[in-house]
N, C-alpha and C. Protein backbone atom coordinates (compact mmCIF):
# COMPACT_ATOMS: atom_id res chain seq x y z
N MET A 1 -34.75 0.53 10.75
CA MET A 1 -33.70 -0.41 10.53
C MET A 1 -34.42 -1.82 10.20
N GLU A 2 -33.56 -2.66 9.63
CA GLU A 2 -34.10 -3.94 9.19
C GLU A 2 -34.31 -4.93 10.31
N ARG A 3 -35.40 -5.68 10.21
CA ARG A 3 -35.71 -6.79 11.13
C ARG A 3 -35.31 -6.56 12.55
N MET A 4 -35.57 -5.40 13.09
CA MET A 4 -35.24 -5.21 14.48
C MET A 4 -36.45 -5.14 15.40
N LYS A 5 -37.46 -4.55 14.96
CA LYS A 5 -38.60 -4.36 15.87
C LYS A 5 -39.39 -5.76 15.94
N GLY A 6 -39.92 -6.03 17.11
CA GLY A 6 -40.70 -7.15 17.25
C GLY A 6 -39.98 -8.54 17.30
N LYS A 7 -38.65 -8.44 17.47
CA LYS A 7 -37.83 -9.64 17.60
C LYS A 7 -37.65 -10.01 19.04
N GLY A 8 -38.60 -10.72 19.63
CA GLY A 8 -38.50 -11.10 21.03
C GLY A 8 -37.32 -11.99 21.31
N ALA A 9 -36.78 -12.67 20.30
CA ALA A 9 -35.71 -13.56 20.54
C ALA A 9 -34.44 -12.93 21.04
N VAL A 10 -34.32 -11.61 20.80
CA VAL A 10 -33.12 -10.88 21.27
C VAL A 10 -33.29 -10.21 22.61
N ASP A 11 -34.47 -10.06 23.10
CA ASP A 11 -34.73 -9.40 24.29
C ASP A 11 -33.86 -9.95 25.50
N HIS A 12 -33.63 -11.25 25.53
CA HIS A 12 -32.94 -11.79 26.61
C HIS A 12 -31.52 -11.28 26.60
N LEU A 13 -31.00 -10.63 25.60
CA LEU A 13 -29.68 -10.12 25.54
C LEU A 13 -29.56 -8.86 26.53
N GLU A 14 -30.67 -8.28 26.85
CA GLU A 14 -30.65 -7.11 27.74
C GLU A 14 -30.55 -7.48 29.22
N ARG A 15 -30.94 -8.78 29.57
CA ARG A 15 -30.96 -9.24 30.93
C ARG A 15 -30.08 -10.41 31.14
N PRO A 16 -28.78 -10.17 31.22
CA PRO A 16 -27.85 -11.32 31.27
C PRO A 16 -27.95 -12.16 32.51
N SER A 17 -27.82 -13.45 32.40
CA SER A 17 -27.65 -14.33 33.52
C SER A 17 -26.24 -14.59 33.66
N PRO A 18 -25.77 -14.80 34.93
CA PRO A 18 -24.27 -15.18 35.10
C PRO A 18 -24.02 -16.47 34.44
N LEU A 19 -22.77 -16.65 33.91
CA LEU A 19 -22.35 -17.83 33.39
C LEU A 19 -22.05 -18.91 34.55
N THR A 20 -22.51 -20.03 34.42
CA THR A 20 -22.02 -21.08 35.36
C THR A 20 -20.75 -21.71 34.89
N ASP A 21 -20.18 -22.57 35.77
CA ASP A 21 -18.88 -23.24 35.37
C ASP A 21 -19.25 -24.11 34.18
N LYS A 22 -20.32 -24.80 34.16
CA LYS A 22 -20.75 -25.60 33.02
C LYS A 22 -20.81 -24.84 31.73
N ASP A 23 -21.46 -23.60 31.80
CA ASP A 23 -21.55 -22.71 30.65
C ASP A 23 -20.17 -22.39 30.13
N ARG A 24 -19.21 -22.02 31.02
CA ARG A 24 -17.89 -21.68 30.57
C ARG A 24 -17.23 -22.82 29.85
N VAL A 25 -17.30 -24.03 30.39
CA VAL A 25 -16.69 -25.15 29.82
C VAL A 25 -17.30 -25.44 28.41
N MET A 26 -18.61 -25.36 28.36
CA MET A 26 -19.25 -25.62 27.06
C MET A 26 -18.88 -24.59 26.02
N ILE A 27 -18.81 -23.35 26.40
CA ILE A 27 -18.37 -22.26 25.46
C ILE A 27 -16.91 -22.51 25.04
N GLN A 28 -16.06 -22.79 25.98
CA GLN A 28 -14.63 -22.93 25.60
C GLN A 28 -14.42 -24.19 24.78
N ASP A 29 -15.10 -25.30 25.04
CA ASP A 29 -15.00 -26.50 24.31
C ASP A 29 -15.50 -26.33 22.85
N SER A 30 -16.65 -25.66 22.70
CA SER A 30 -17.22 -25.43 21.40
C SER A 30 -16.33 -24.43 20.56
N TRP A 31 -15.74 -23.46 21.30
CA TRP A 31 -14.95 -22.47 20.61
C TRP A 31 -13.76 -23.02 20.00
N VAL A 32 -13.19 -24.13 20.51
CA VAL A 32 -11.99 -24.81 19.94
C VAL A 32 -12.25 -25.07 18.51
N LYS A 33 -13.33 -25.77 18.26
CA LYS A 33 -13.77 -26.11 16.89
C LYS A 33 -13.97 -24.93 15.95
N VAL A 34 -14.70 -23.87 16.52
CA VAL A 34 -14.97 -22.68 15.73
C VAL A 34 -13.65 -21.94 15.42
N TYR A 35 -12.83 -21.78 16.40
CA TYR A 35 -11.62 -21.01 16.18
C TYR A 35 -10.61 -21.64 15.25
N GLN A 36 -10.68 -22.95 15.00
CA GLN A 36 -9.92 -23.62 14.02
C GLN A 36 -10.19 -22.99 12.67
N ASN A 37 -11.46 -22.56 12.52
CA ASN A 37 -11.81 -21.99 11.24
C ASN A 37 -12.23 -20.53 11.39
N CYS A 38 -11.43 -19.81 12.25
CA CYS A 38 -11.89 -18.49 12.65
C CYS A 38 -12.02 -17.54 11.49
N ASP A 39 -11.18 -17.51 10.57
CA ASP A 39 -11.29 -16.55 9.43
C ASP A 39 -12.54 -16.82 8.60
N ASP A 40 -12.83 -18.03 8.28
CA ASP A 40 -14.00 -18.39 7.49
C ASP A 40 -15.25 -18.11 8.32
N ALA A 41 -15.24 -18.45 9.57
CA ALA A 41 -16.41 -18.20 10.44
C ALA A 41 -16.63 -16.68 10.62
N GLY A 42 -15.63 -15.97 10.77
CA GLY A 42 -15.74 -14.57 10.97
C GLY A 42 -16.30 -13.83 9.64
N VAL A 43 -15.83 -14.32 8.59
CA VAL A 43 -16.30 -13.73 7.34
C VAL A 43 -17.75 -14.08 7.07
N ALA A 44 -18.16 -15.34 7.34
CA ALA A 44 -19.51 -15.80 7.29
C ALA A 44 -20.38 -14.93 8.16
N ILE A 45 -19.98 -14.60 9.41
CA ILE A 45 -20.77 -13.86 10.26
C ILE A 45 -20.98 -12.41 9.73
N LEU A 46 -19.83 -11.82 9.33
CA LEU A 46 -20.05 -10.42 8.82
C LEU A 46 -20.85 -10.35 7.52
N ILE A 47 -20.73 -11.33 6.59
CA ILE A 47 -21.46 -11.36 5.32
C ILE A 47 -22.93 -11.49 5.72
N ARG A 48 -23.32 -12.33 6.63
CA ARG A 48 -24.65 -12.55 7.10
C ARG A 48 -25.20 -11.21 7.68
N LEU A 49 -24.44 -10.55 8.47
CA LEU A 49 -24.81 -9.30 9.12
C LEU A 49 -25.07 -8.26 8.02
N PHE A 50 -24.20 -8.14 7.09
CA PHE A 50 -24.36 -7.11 6.02
C PHE A 50 -25.47 -7.43 5.05
N VAL A 51 -25.68 -8.70 4.76
CA VAL A 51 -26.81 -9.05 3.77
C VAL A 51 -28.09 -8.80 4.54
N ASN A 52 -28.29 -9.36 5.77
CA ASN A 52 -29.59 -9.23 6.43
C ASN A 52 -29.88 -7.88 7.10
N PHE A 53 -28.74 -7.20 7.34
CA PHE A 53 -28.88 -5.78 7.91
C PHE A 53 -27.98 -4.82 7.28
N PRO A 54 -28.37 -4.44 5.99
CA PRO A 54 -27.39 -3.64 5.17
C PRO A 54 -27.05 -2.29 5.79
N SER A 55 -27.87 -1.77 6.61
CA SER A 55 -27.54 -0.52 7.29
C SER A 55 -26.23 -0.57 8.17
N SER A 56 -25.94 -1.87 8.53
CA SER A 56 -24.80 -2.02 9.44
C SER A 56 -23.49 -1.70 8.69
N LYS A 57 -23.57 -1.77 7.37
CA LYS A 57 -22.28 -1.49 6.51
C LYS A 57 -21.94 -0.01 6.54
N GLN A 58 -22.79 0.89 6.99
CA GLN A 58 -22.57 2.32 7.03
C GLN A 58 -21.31 2.65 7.84
N TYR A 59 -20.88 1.85 8.72
CA TYR A 59 -19.75 2.11 9.65
C TYR A 59 -18.43 1.66 8.98
N PHE A 60 -18.49 1.16 7.87
CA PHE A 60 -17.29 0.58 7.24
C PHE A 60 -17.00 1.29 5.94
N SER A 61 -16.21 2.37 5.92
CA SER A 61 -16.00 3.11 4.71
C SER A 61 -15.25 2.31 3.65
N LYS A 62 -14.47 1.32 3.99
CA LYS A 62 -13.78 0.60 2.96
C LYS A 62 -14.60 -0.39 2.17
N PHE A 63 -15.75 -0.79 2.70
CA PHE A 63 -16.56 -1.72 1.95
C PHE A 63 -18.06 -1.48 2.02
N LYS A 64 -18.42 -0.24 2.50
CA LYS A 64 -19.86 -0.05 2.76
C LYS A 64 -20.62 0.04 1.37
N ASN A 65 -19.95 0.30 0.25
CA ASN A 65 -20.66 0.34 -0.99
C ASN A 65 -20.64 -0.88 -1.81
N ILE A 66 -19.99 -1.98 -1.19
CA ILE A 66 -20.04 -3.22 -1.93
C ILE A 66 -21.37 -3.98 -1.65
N GLU A 67 -22.12 -4.11 -2.70
CA GLU A 67 -23.39 -4.83 -2.58
C GLU A 67 -23.37 -6.36 -2.72
N ASP A 68 -22.61 -6.86 -3.58
CA ASP A 68 -22.49 -8.26 -3.88
C ASP A 68 -21.84 -9.03 -2.80
N PRO A 69 -22.53 -9.97 -2.15
CA PRO A 69 -21.92 -10.80 -1.11
C PRO A 69 -20.62 -11.46 -1.46
N GLU A 70 -20.50 -11.90 -2.69
CA GLU A 70 -19.29 -12.65 -3.13
C GLU A 70 -18.16 -11.62 -3.21
N GLU A 71 -18.44 -10.47 -3.69
CA GLU A 71 -17.37 -9.43 -3.68
C GLU A 71 -17.05 -9.00 -2.25
N LEU A 72 -18.03 -8.85 -1.38
CA LEU A 72 -17.69 -8.54 -0.07
C LEU A 72 -16.75 -9.62 0.65
N GLU A 73 -17.08 -10.86 0.29
CA GLU A 73 -16.32 -11.92 0.85
C GLU A 73 -14.83 -11.88 0.48
N LYS A 74 -14.57 -11.31 -0.77
CA LYS A 74 -13.16 -11.16 -1.23
C LYS A 74 -12.43 -10.00 -0.74
N SER A 75 -13.17 -9.08 -0.06
CA SER A 75 -12.68 -7.81 0.42
C SER A 75 -11.55 -8.05 1.55
N ALA A 76 -10.42 -7.65 1.27
CA ALA A 76 -9.27 -7.73 2.31
C ALA A 76 -9.72 -7.02 3.54
N HIS A 77 -10.35 -5.86 3.40
CA HIS A 77 -10.78 -5.04 4.58
C HIS A 77 -11.79 -5.79 5.42
N LEU A 78 -12.78 -6.43 4.73
CA LEU A 78 -13.72 -7.20 5.47
C LEU A 78 -13.11 -8.50 6.15
N ARG A 79 -12.17 -9.08 5.45
CA ARG A 79 -11.47 -10.22 6.06
C ARG A 79 -10.66 -9.82 7.24
N ASN A 80 -10.02 -8.69 7.24
CA ASN A 80 -9.28 -8.15 8.28
C ASN A 80 -10.18 -7.88 9.53
N HIS A 81 -11.30 -7.25 9.25
CA HIS A 81 -12.26 -6.95 10.40
C HIS A 81 -12.83 -8.20 10.92
N ALA A 82 -13.14 -9.14 10.07
CA ALA A 82 -13.66 -10.48 10.56
C ALA A 82 -12.62 -11.06 11.53
N HIS A 83 -11.35 -11.08 11.13
CA HIS A 83 -10.29 -11.59 11.93
C HIS A 83 -10.16 -10.87 13.25
N ARG A 84 -10.38 -9.61 13.29
CA ARG A 84 -10.29 -8.81 14.59
C ARG A 84 -11.52 -9.21 15.43
N VAL A 85 -12.66 -9.39 14.85
CA VAL A 85 -13.90 -9.77 15.58
C VAL A 85 -13.64 -11.18 16.26
N MET A 86 -13.19 -12.08 15.48
CA MET A 86 -12.90 -13.47 15.98
C MET A 86 -11.80 -13.44 17.06
N ASN A 87 -10.84 -12.60 16.96
CA ASN A 87 -9.73 -12.61 17.92
C ASN A 87 -10.33 -11.94 19.15
N SER A 88 -11.20 -11.01 19.12
CA SER A 88 -11.79 -10.44 20.28
C SER A 88 -12.67 -11.49 20.99
N ILE A 89 -13.50 -12.18 20.25
CA ILE A 89 -14.25 -13.21 20.84
C ILE A 89 -13.29 -14.28 21.55
N ASN A 90 -12.25 -14.58 20.85
CA ASN A 90 -11.35 -15.60 21.37
C ASN A 90 -10.74 -15.05 22.71
N THR A 91 -10.38 -13.83 22.80
CA THR A 91 -9.88 -13.22 24.05
C THR A 91 -10.93 -13.37 25.15
N LEU A 92 -12.18 -13.11 24.89
CA LEU A 92 -13.21 -13.26 25.81
C LEU A 92 -13.40 -14.71 26.30
N VAL A 93 -13.40 -15.60 25.35
CA VAL A 93 -13.56 -17.05 25.63
C VAL A 93 -12.37 -17.55 26.41
N GLU A 94 -11.18 -17.18 26.08
CA GLU A 94 -9.97 -17.64 26.83
C GLU A 94 -9.96 -17.15 28.26
N ASN A 95 -10.59 -16.01 28.49
CA ASN A 95 -10.58 -15.39 29.81
C ASN A 95 -11.84 -15.51 30.62
N LEU A 96 -12.75 -16.41 30.30
CA LEU A 96 -13.89 -16.51 30.95
C LEU A 96 -13.82 -16.68 32.48
N ASP A 97 -12.67 -17.24 32.91
CA ASP A 97 -12.36 -17.40 34.34
C ASP A 97 -11.81 -16.20 34.96
N ASN A 98 -11.68 -15.14 34.15
CA ASN A 98 -11.11 -13.86 34.67
C ASN A 98 -12.14 -12.70 34.39
N PRO A 99 -13.09 -12.53 35.24
CA PRO A 99 -14.13 -11.52 34.90
C PRO A 99 -13.53 -10.09 34.79
N ASP A 100 -12.40 -9.78 35.50
CA ASP A 100 -11.85 -8.43 35.33
C ASP A 100 -11.24 -8.22 33.96
N LYS A 101 -10.64 -9.28 33.43
CA LYS A 101 -10.06 -9.22 31.98
C LYS A 101 -11.19 -9.10 30.97
N VAL A 102 -12.23 -9.84 31.18
CA VAL A 102 -13.47 -9.78 30.28
C VAL A 102 -14.07 -8.38 30.33
N ALA A 103 -14.19 -7.86 31.52
CA ALA A 103 -14.74 -6.50 31.71
C ALA A 103 -13.89 -5.47 31.01
N SER A 104 -12.57 -5.59 31.21
CA SER A 104 -11.69 -4.70 30.60
C SER A 104 -11.67 -4.66 29.07
N VAL A 105 -11.71 -5.88 28.46
CA VAL A 105 -11.83 -6.02 27.02
C VAL A 105 -13.15 -5.39 26.51
N LEU A 106 -14.26 -5.73 27.16
CA LEU A 106 -15.51 -5.17 26.67
C LEU A 106 -15.65 -3.63 26.82
N LYS A 107 -14.97 -3.10 27.89
CA LYS A 107 -14.96 -1.65 28.13
C LYS A 107 -14.19 -1.00 26.98
N LEU A 108 -13.03 -1.52 26.60
CA LEU A 108 -12.25 -0.95 25.44
C LEU A 108 -13.01 -1.10 24.25
N LEU A 109 -13.61 -2.30 23.99
CA LEU A 109 -14.46 -2.45 22.79
C LEU A 109 -15.60 -1.49 22.67
N GLY A 110 -16.36 -1.33 23.79
CA GLY A 110 -17.36 -0.34 23.85
C GLY A 110 -17.00 1.06 23.61
N LYS A 111 -15.92 1.45 24.29
CA LYS A 111 -15.46 2.91 24.17
C LYS A 111 -15.03 3.12 22.69
N ALA A 112 -14.31 2.22 22.05
CA ALA A 112 -13.85 2.42 20.67
C ALA A 112 -15.07 2.51 19.77
N HIS A 113 -16.04 1.64 19.91
CA HIS A 113 -17.20 1.66 18.97
C HIS A 113 -18.10 2.87 19.28
N ALA A 114 -18.21 3.27 20.50
CA ALA A 114 -18.96 4.46 20.82
C ALA A 114 -18.32 5.78 20.37
N LEU A 115 -17.11 5.94 20.80
CA LEU A 115 -16.50 7.22 20.62
C LEU A 115 -15.74 7.43 19.29
N ARG A 116 -15.01 6.40 18.84
CA ARG A 116 -14.29 6.52 17.59
C ARG A 116 -15.15 6.18 16.35
N HIS A 117 -15.84 5.05 16.48
CA HIS A 117 -16.55 4.51 15.26
C HIS A 117 -18.02 4.98 15.28
N LYS A 118 -18.50 5.41 16.38
CA LYS A 118 -19.93 5.96 16.51
C LYS A 118 -20.98 4.95 16.02
N VAL A 119 -20.74 3.75 16.41
CA VAL A 119 -21.70 2.60 16.05
C VAL A 119 -22.85 2.60 17.04
N GLU A 120 -24.06 2.61 16.50
CA GLU A 120 -25.27 2.39 17.30
C GLU A 120 -25.13 1.14 18.07
N PRO A 121 -25.41 1.16 19.41
CA PRO A 121 -25.24 -0.09 20.20
C PRO A 121 -26.25 -1.23 19.81
N VAL A 122 -27.32 -0.87 19.17
CA VAL A 122 -28.19 -1.91 18.78
C VAL A 122 -27.57 -2.94 17.85
N TYR A 123 -26.54 -2.46 17.14
CA TYR A 123 -25.88 -3.36 16.20
C TYR A 123 -25.13 -4.47 16.92
N PHE A 124 -24.71 -4.25 18.17
CA PHE A 124 -24.21 -5.31 18.94
C PHE A 124 -25.26 -6.39 19.16
N LYS A 125 -26.43 -6.01 19.50
CA LYS A 125 -27.48 -6.99 19.73
C LYS A 125 -27.79 -7.76 18.42
N ILE A 126 -27.82 -7.01 17.35
CA ILE A 126 -27.98 -7.70 16.02
C ILE A 126 -26.88 -8.70 15.76
N LEU A 127 -25.67 -8.27 15.89
CA LEU A 127 -24.47 -9.03 15.70
C LEU A 127 -24.53 -10.30 16.54
N ASN A 128 -24.96 -10.19 17.79
CA ASN A 128 -25.08 -11.36 18.68
C ASN A 128 -26.00 -12.45 18.08
N GLY A 129 -27.09 -12.00 17.58
CA GLY A 129 -28.04 -12.92 16.98
C GLY A 129 -27.43 -13.57 15.70
N VAL A 130 -26.79 -12.80 14.96
CA VAL A 130 -26.10 -13.29 13.79
C VAL A 130 -25.00 -14.31 14.12
N ILE A 131 -24.27 -14.01 15.20
CA ILE A 131 -23.22 -14.99 15.63
C ILE A 131 -23.86 -16.35 15.97
N LEU A 132 -24.96 -16.28 16.81
CA LEU A 132 -25.63 -17.51 17.16
C LEU A 132 -26.13 -18.30 15.98
N GLU A 133 -26.70 -17.56 15.04
CA GLU A 133 -27.35 -18.18 13.88
C GLU A 133 -26.26 -18.81 13.04
N VAL A 134 -25.12 -18.13 12.72
CA VAL A 134 -24.11 -18.64 11.89
C VAL A 134 -23.38 -19.85 12.52
N LEU A 135 -23.06 -19.74 13.89
CA LEU A 135 -22.35 -20.80 14.53
C LEU A 135 -23.25 -22.02 14.55
N GLY A 136 -24.53 -21.88 14.76
CA GLY A 136 -25.43 -22.99 14.74
C GLY A 136 -25.52 -23.70 13.46
N GLU A 137 -25.46 -22.92 12.36
CA GLU A 137 -25.44 -23.49 11.02
C GLU A 137 -24.15 -24.08 10.54
N GLU A 138 -23.07 -23.38 10.89
CA GLU A 138 -21.74 -23.83 10.45
C GLU A 138 -21.19 -24.92 11.28
N PHE A 139 -21.54 -24.98 12.56
CA PHE A 139 -21.05 -25.98 13.55
C PHE A 139 -22.09 -26.71 14.27
N PRO A 140 -22.95 -27.36 13.53
CA PRO A 140 -24.10 -27.97 14.27
C PRO A 140 -23.72 -29.04 15.20
N GLU A 141 -22.57 -29.68 14.91
CA GLU A 141 -22.16 -30.80 15.81
C GLU A 141 -21.69 -30.32 17.19
N VAL A 142 -21.25 -29.07 17.32
CA VAL A 142 -20.90 -28.56 18.65
C VAL A 142 -21.89 -27.60 19.23
N MET A 143 -22.69 -26.98 18.38
CA MET A 143 -23.67 -25.97 18.84
C MET A 143 -25.03 -26.63 19.17
N THR A 144 -25.03 -27.52 20.16
CA THR A 144 -26.29 -28.11 20.58
C THR A 144 -27.12 -27.03 21.26
N ALA A 145 -28.38 -27.35 21.58
CA ALA A 145 -29.27 -26.39 22.18
C ALA A 145 -28.69 -25.91 23.55
N GLU A 146 -28.06 -26.81 24.27
CA GLU A 146 -27.52 -26.47 25.57
C GLU A 146 -26.23 -25.56 25.41
N VAL A 147 -25.42 -25.90 24.40
CA VAL A 147 -24.22 -25.00 24.17
C VAL A 147 -24.68 -23.70 23.63
N ALA A 148 -25.67 -23.60 22.76
CA ALA A 148 -26.21 -22.35 22.24
C ALA A 148 -26.80 -21.53 23.38
N GLY A 149 -27.39 -22.16 24.40
CA GLY A 149 -27.88 -21.45 25.55
C GLY A 149 -26.74 -20.77 26.34
N ALA A 150 -25.62 -21.47 26.47
CA ALA A 150 -24.44 -20.88 27.12
C ALA A 150 -23.86 -19.72 26.33
N TRP A 151 -23.85 -19.87 25.05
CA TRP A 151 -23.37 -18.82 24.19
C TRP A 151 -24.31 -17.58 24.26
N THR A 152 -25.58 -17.89 24.33
CA THR A 152 -26.53 -16.74 24.44
C THR A 152 -26.30 -15.99 25.76
N LYS A 153 -26.01 -16.66 26.80
CA LYS A 153 -25.69 -15.98 28.08
C LYS A 153 -24.48 -15.16 27.98
N LEU A 154 -23.41 -15.70 27.26
CA LEU A 154 -22.17 -14.94 27.17
C LEU A 154 -22.40 -13.65 26.24
N LEU A 155 -23.13 -13.85 25.18
CA LEU A 155 -23.44 -12.69 24.32
C LEU A 155 -24.28 -11.72 25.05
N ALA A 156 -25.15 -12.10 25.95
CA ALA A 156 -25.93 -11.17 26.69
C ALA A 156 -25.03 -10.43 27.61
N VAL A 157 -24.05 -11.02 28.19
CA VAL A 157 -23.11 -10.32 29.02
C VAL A 157 -22.33 -9.28 28.18
N LEU A 158 -21.96 -9.68 27.03
CA LEU A 158 -21.20 -8.86 26.11
C LEU A 158 -22.11 -7.57 25.83
N TYR A 159 -23.33 -7.78 25.44
CA TYR A 159 -24.18 -6.66 25.04
C TYR A 159 -24.42 -5.82 26.31
N SER A 160 -24.73 -6.39 27.43
CA SER A 160 -24.93 -5.59 28.62
C SER A 160 -23.72 -4.69 29.02
N SER A 161 -22.52 -5.34 28.88
CA SER A 161 -21.34 -4.58 29.29
C SER A 161 -21.02 -3.46 28.28
N ILE A 162 -21.25 -3.74 27.05
CA ILE A 162 -20.95 -2.70 26.04
C ILE A 162 -21.97 -1.55 26.18
N THR A 163 -23.26 -1.88 26.39
CA THR A 163 -24.18 -0.80 26.49
C THR A 163 -24.01 0.00 27.80
N THR A 164 -23.50 -0.61 28.83
CA THR A 164 -23.12 0.03 30.08
C THR A 164 -22.04 1.07 29.77
N THR A 165 -21.03 0.60 28.98
CA THR A 165 -19.87 1.52 28.59
C THR A 165 -20.44 2.64 27.78
N TYR A 166 -21.33 2.37 26.82
CA TYR A 166 -21.97 3.46 26.02
C TYR A 166 -22.54 4.48 26.98
N GLU A 167 -23.36 4.03 27.95
CA GLU A 167 -23.94 4.89 28.88
C GLU A 167 -22.97 5.76 29.69
N GLU A 168 -21.82 5.11 30.08
CA GLU A 168 -20.80 5.82 30.79
C GLU A 168 -20.11 6.91 29.97
N VAL A 169 -20.00 6.71 28.70
CA VAL A 169 -19.38 7.71 27.85
C VAL A 169 -20.40 8.73 27.32
N GLY A 170 -21.63 8.63 27.73
CA GLY A 170 -22.63 9.61 27.42
C GLY A 170 -23.41 9.35 26.10
N TRP A 171 -23.40 8.13 25.62
CA TRP A 171 -24.23 7.84 24.37
C TRP A 171 -25.67 8.04 24.72
N MET A 172 -26.38 8.73 23.78
CA MET A 172 -27.73 9.15 24.21
C MET A 172 -28.83 8.17 23.70
N THR A 173 -28.64 7.45 22.63
CA THR A 173 -29.71 6.58 22.14
C THR A 173 -29.27 5.10 22.14
N LEU A 174 -29.53 4.39 23.26
CA LEU A 174 -29.19 3.06 23.36
C LEU A 174 -30.11 2.11 22.60
N SER A 175 -31.37 2.33 22.62
CA SER A 175 -32.24 1.53 21.88
C SER A 175 -33.61 2.27 21.70
N PRO A 176 -34.43 1.80 20.80
CA PRO A 176 -35.82 2.52 20.67
C PRO A 176 -36.48 2.47 22.01
N SER A 177 -36.37 1.53 22.89
CA SER A 177 -37.09 1.40 24.14
C SER A 177 -36.55 2.34 25.19
N THR A 178 -35.45 2.96 25.05
CA THR A 178 -34.93 3.85 26.07
C THR A 178 -35.13 5.20 25.67
N GLY A 179 -35.21 6.14 26.64
CA GLY A 179 -35.33 7.52 26.22
C GLY A 179 -36.37 8.19 26.97
C-alpha cells in the first residue's frame, strides 16, 4: 500500500490517551468553524485520501474508477459519502461528554465497515492522518498545535475503538504488525 510503512507519525493512533476537559473544549470549539464548511471540508479530505492513497478507492464502487481529482470532486456519490463522514465526526464531537454514545457510534461504524464494506482497518489510520493534514491546511486559524494535539487524541480513540470492534467481529488482519 501507499505511504504506510515507516510512518512513525501515525503510531500514536494505536495508543490513545484519554481526552481531558480542555481537549474536549478545544475540539468542540475548532469543530464549529470546520462544520460550517462541512461539505467542502469532507470533499477535500476524501479527495486527499484518494489522491495520496489510491488503493482506498477500491471500496467505493460508484467512483473507484475515477482518476481525475476534479472529476472526483464533482461526483455526487463522493459528495454524499463526504457528507456522511463529516456528520459522523460531528456526532462524535457533539457527544464528547457522553462516552457511551461515542462508543456506540464507533461500534456501529466499525461493524458496518468490517462486515458490510470489508474495509481494511488500516485505512482508518490513514484517514485520521489525512483529516489532521487537511484540517490543518484548510483551517490554520483554529488548528493550532495544541488543538491538533487534542484532535490527534480523539482520532486515536476513534482508531482504537474501531479496531477493537474489528477484533470483536473476527477480523483477521488488523495491521502488518499484528498476526
